[in-house]
N, C-alpha and C. Protein backbone atom coordinates (compact mmCIF):
# COMPACT_ATOMS: atom_id res chain seq x y z
N MET A 1 0.81 -1.23 0.03
CA MET A 1 -0.01 -0.08 0.08
C MET A 1 0.88 1.23 0.00
N GLU A 2 0.51 2.19 -0.83
CA GLU A 2 1.23 3.45 -0.95
C GLU A 2 1.06 4.29 0.25
N ALA A 3 2.13 4.93 0.70
CA ALA A 3 2.01 5.94 1.80
C ALA A 3 1.08 7.07 1.42
N GLU A 4 0.35 7.53 2.41
CA GLU A 4 -0.60 8.73 2.23
C GLU A 4 0.18 10.03 2.05
N ARG A 5 -0.21 10.73 0.95
CA ARG A 5 0.45 11.99 0.63
C ARG A 5 -0.55 13.10 0.73
N PRO A 6 -0.28 14.25 1.23
CA PRO A 6 -1.27 15.41 1.22
C PRO A 6 -1.45 15.87 -0.32
N LEU A 7 -2.65 16.59 -0.40
CA LEU A 7 -2.84 17.14 -1.72
C LEU A 7 -1.87 18.29 -2.01
N ASP A 8 -1.54 18.50 -3.19
CA ASP A 8 -0.59 19.60 -3.59
C ASP A 8 -1.39 20.89 -3.63
N LYS A 9 -1.22 21.74 -2.69
CA LYS A 9 -1.90 23.02 -2.55
C LYS A 9 -1.67 23.94 -3.66
N THR A 10 -0.65 23.75 -4.51
CA THR A 10 -0.34 24.72 -5.72
C THR A 10 -1.09 24.24 -6.86
N PHE A 11 -1.80 23.13 -6.85
CA PHE A 11 -2.61 22.76 -7.97
C PHE A 11 -3.72 23.83 -8.15
N GLY A 12 -3.86 24.24 -9.44
CA GLY A 12 -4.96 25.16 -9.76
C GLY A 12 -4.52 25.96 -11.04
N PHE A 13 -5.22 27.01 -11.28
CA PHE A 13 -4.93 27.84 -12.42
C PHE A 13 -3.64 28.54 -12.17
N ALA A 14 -2.88 28.62 -13.29
CA ALA A 14 -1.67 29.40 -13.27
C ALA A 14 -2.02 30.96 -13.04
N LYS A 15 -1.14 31.64 -12.41
CA LYS A 15 -1.37 33.06 -12.21
C LYS A 15 -1.65 33.81 -13.43
N ASN A 16 -1.19 33.35 -14.55
CA ASN A 16 -1.27 34.05 -15.78
C ASN A 16 -2.47 33.45 -16.68
N PHE A 17 -3.24 32.57 -16.14
CA PHE A 17 -4.33 31.88 -16.86
C PHE A 17 -5.20 32.90 -17.55
N GLY A 18 -5.62 33.92 -16.85
CA GLY A 18 -6.54 35.00 -17.43
C GLY A 18 -5.89 35.74 -18.50
N ALA A 19 -4.57 35.86 -18.53
CA ALA A 19 -3.86 36.51 -19.59
C ALA A 19 -3.84 35.74 -20.85
N LYS A 20 -3.84 34.37 -20.71
CA LYS A 20 -3.74 33.51 -21.96
C LYS A 20 -5.09 33.07 -22.51
N TYR A 21 -6.08 32.86 -21.56
CA TYR A 21 -7.40 32.32 -22.07
C TYR A 21 -8.59 33.19 -21.52
N GLU A 22 -9.64 33.26 -22.38
CA GLU A 22 -10.81 33.89 -22.01
C GLU A 22 -11.94 32.79 -21.88
N LEU A 23 -12.28 32.62 -20.53
CA LEU A 23 -13.33 31.59 -20.35
C LEU A 23 -14.65 32.08 -20.87
N ARG A 24 -15.28 31.10 -21.55
CA ARG A 24 -16.72 31.37 -21.97
C ARG A 24 -17.73 30.47 -21.32
N LYS A 25 -18.74 30.01 -21.99
CA LYS A 25 -19.78 29.31 -21.32
C LYS A 25 -19.44 27.83 -20.77
N GLU A 26 -20.12 27.49 -19.83
CA GLU A 26 -19.90 26.03 -19.33
C GLU A 26 -20.56 25.17 -20.36
N VAL A 27 -19.91 24.06 -20.69
CA VAL A 27 -20.33 23.07 -21.66
C VAL A 27 -20.68 21.67 -21.04
N GLY A 28 -20.35 21.45 -19.73
CA GLY A 28 -20.62 20.17 -19.14
C GLY A 28 -20.34 20.29 -17.66
N ARG A 29 -20.84 19.37 -16.85
CA ARG A 29 -20.76 19.34 -15.47
C ARG A 29 -20.76 17.82 -14.96
N GLY A 30 -19.96 17.54 -14.05
CA GLY A 30 -19.87 16.23 -13.52
C GLY A 30 -19.64 16.24 -12.09
N HIS A 31 -19.32 15.04 -11.43
CA HIS A 31 -19.24 14.92 -10.08
C HIS A 31 -17.98 15.74 -9.55
N PHE A 32 -16.91 15.79 -10.29
CA PHE A 32 -15.69 16.42 -9.78
C PHE A 32 -15.58 17.95 -10.20
N GLY A 33 -16.27 18.36 -11.15
CA GLY A 33 -16.15 19.72 -11.55
C GLY A 33 -17.02 20.01 -12.83
N HIS A 34 -16.47 20.92 -13.53
CA HIS A 34 -17.12 21.33 -14.82
C HIS A 34 -16.19 21.68 -15.90
N THR A 35 -16.69 21.76 -17.15
CA THR A 35 -15.83 22.07 -18.38
C THR A 35 -16.47 23.23 -18.94
N CYS A 36 -15.63 24.13 -19.34
CA CYS A 36 -15.99 25.39 -20.07
C CYS A 36 -15.25 25.49 -21.38
N CYS A 37 -15.90 26.29 -22.28
CA CYS A 37 -15.23 26.56 -23.44
C CYS A 37 -14.31 27.86 -23.13
N ALA A 38 -13.23 27.95 -23.80
CA ALA A 38 -12.34 29.12 -23.64
C ALA A 38 -11.72 29.42 -24.98
N VAL A 39 -11.24 30.59 -25.15
CA VAL A 39 -10.48 31.09 -26.41
C VAL A 39 -9.12 31.50 -26.00
N VAL A 40 -8.16 31.03 -26.72
CA VAL A 40 -6.72 31.41 -26.58
C VAL A 40 -6.55 32.94 -26.95
N LYS A 41 -6.04 33.75 -26.01
CA LYS A 41 -5.84 35.18 -26.33
C LYS A 41 -4.60 35.54 -27.04
N LYS A 42 -3.52 34.87 -26.93
CA LYS A 42 -2.31 35.19 -27.56
C LYS A 42 -1.52 34.04 -27.88
N GLY A 43 -0.45 34.25 -28.73
CA GLY A 43 0.47 33.21 -29.02
C GLY A 43 0.05 32.43 -30.34
N GLU A 44 0.71 31.30 -30.53
CA GLU A 44 0.54 30.53 -31.74
C GLU A 44 -0.91 30.17 -32.04
N TYR A 45 -1.68 29.92 -30.89
CA TYR A 45 -3.02 29.39 -31.03
C TYR A 45 -4.08 30.50 -30.86
N LYS A 46 -3.77 31.71 -30.90
CA LYS A 46 -4.64 32.83 -30.65
C LYS A 46 -5.92 32.67 -31.46
N GLY A 47 -7.06 32.83 -30.81
CA GLY A 47 -8.37 32.70 -31.41
C GLY A 47 -9.01 31.35 -31.46
N GLN A 48 -8.12 30.34 -31.11
CA GLN A 48 -8.56 28.90 -31.18
C GLN A 48 -9.40 28.53 -29.93
N ALA A 49 -10.50 27.95 -30.10
CA ALA A 49 -11.37 27.46 -29.00
C ALA A 49 -10.80 26.27 -28.33
N VAL A 50 -10.75 26.22 -27.01
CA VAL A 50 -10.26 25.09 -26.28
C VAL A 50 -11.24 24.68 -25.23
N ALA A 51 -11.09 23.58 -24.66
CA ALA A 51 -11.94 23.14 -23.49
C ALA A 51 -10.99 23.29 -22.24
N VAL A 52 -11.60 23.74 -21.19
CA VAL A 52 -10.89 23.85 -19.82
C VAL A 52 -11.74 23.01 -18.83
N LYS A 53 -11.09 22.10 -18.28
CA LYS A 53 -11.72 21.34 -17.14
C LYS A 53 -11.36 21.90 -15.85
N ILE A 54 -12.39 22.33 -14.98
CA ILE A 54 -12.17 22.98 -13.77
C ILE A 54 -12.63 21.92 -12.62
N ILE A 55 -11.67 21.48 -11.85
CA ILE A 55 -11.93 20.45 -10.92
C ILE A 55 -11.91 21.09 -9.50
N ALA A 56 -12.88 20.71 -8.78
CA ALA A 56 -13.12 21.23 -7.32
C ALA A 56 -12.15 20.54 -6.49
N LYS A 57 -11.32 21.23 -5.82
CA LYS A 57 -10.30 20.69 -4.92
C LYS A 57 -10.94 19.88 -3.83
N ALA A 58 -12.09 20.39 -3.31
CA ALA A 58 -12.77 19.73 -2.21
C ALA A 58 -13.16 18.28 -2.62
N LYS A 59 -13.39 18.00 -3.89
CA LYS A 59 -13.74 16.64 -4.26
C LYS A 59 -12.66 15.62 -4.40
N LEU A 60 -11.40 16.18 -4.40
CA LEU A 60 -10.27 15.32 -4.54
C LEU A 60 -9.94 14.56 -3.22
N ILE A 61 -9.27 13.47 -3.29
CA ILE A 61 -9.01 12.62 -2.15
C ILE A 61 -7.44 12.53 -2.12
N LYS A 62 -6.93 12.19 -0.89
CA LYS A 62 -5.50 11.96 -0.77
C LYS A 62 -5.16 10.48 -1.37
N ALA A 63 -3.89 10.35 -1.86
CA ALA A 63 -3.49 9.11 -2.23
C ALA A 63 -3.53 8.08 -1.17
N GLY A 64 -4.07 6.90 -1.42
CA GLY A 64 -4.13 5.91 -0.34
C GLY A 64 -5.41 5.95 0.54
N GLN A 65 -6.30 6.80 0.24
CA GLN A 65 -7.46 7.04 0.99
C GLN A 65 -8.41 5.79 0.88
N PHE A 66 -8.43 5.17 -0.20
CA PHE A 66 -9.25 4.01 -0.37
C PHE A 66 -8.73 2.74 0.12
């Protein structure tokens, strides 16, 4: 059995997420979070639509909890 590890508290959106992507409407929802459409704001993929999965930290478990 693997030793229990705490959740990585740094997990989440990068500080510059809002500078790179524009979140649009929600396109799906599930037990752990939801998925939104987003558009790339700059760079090689500027203007391209992408999907962003947003996972609620509260729904995650520690390794070895089961």
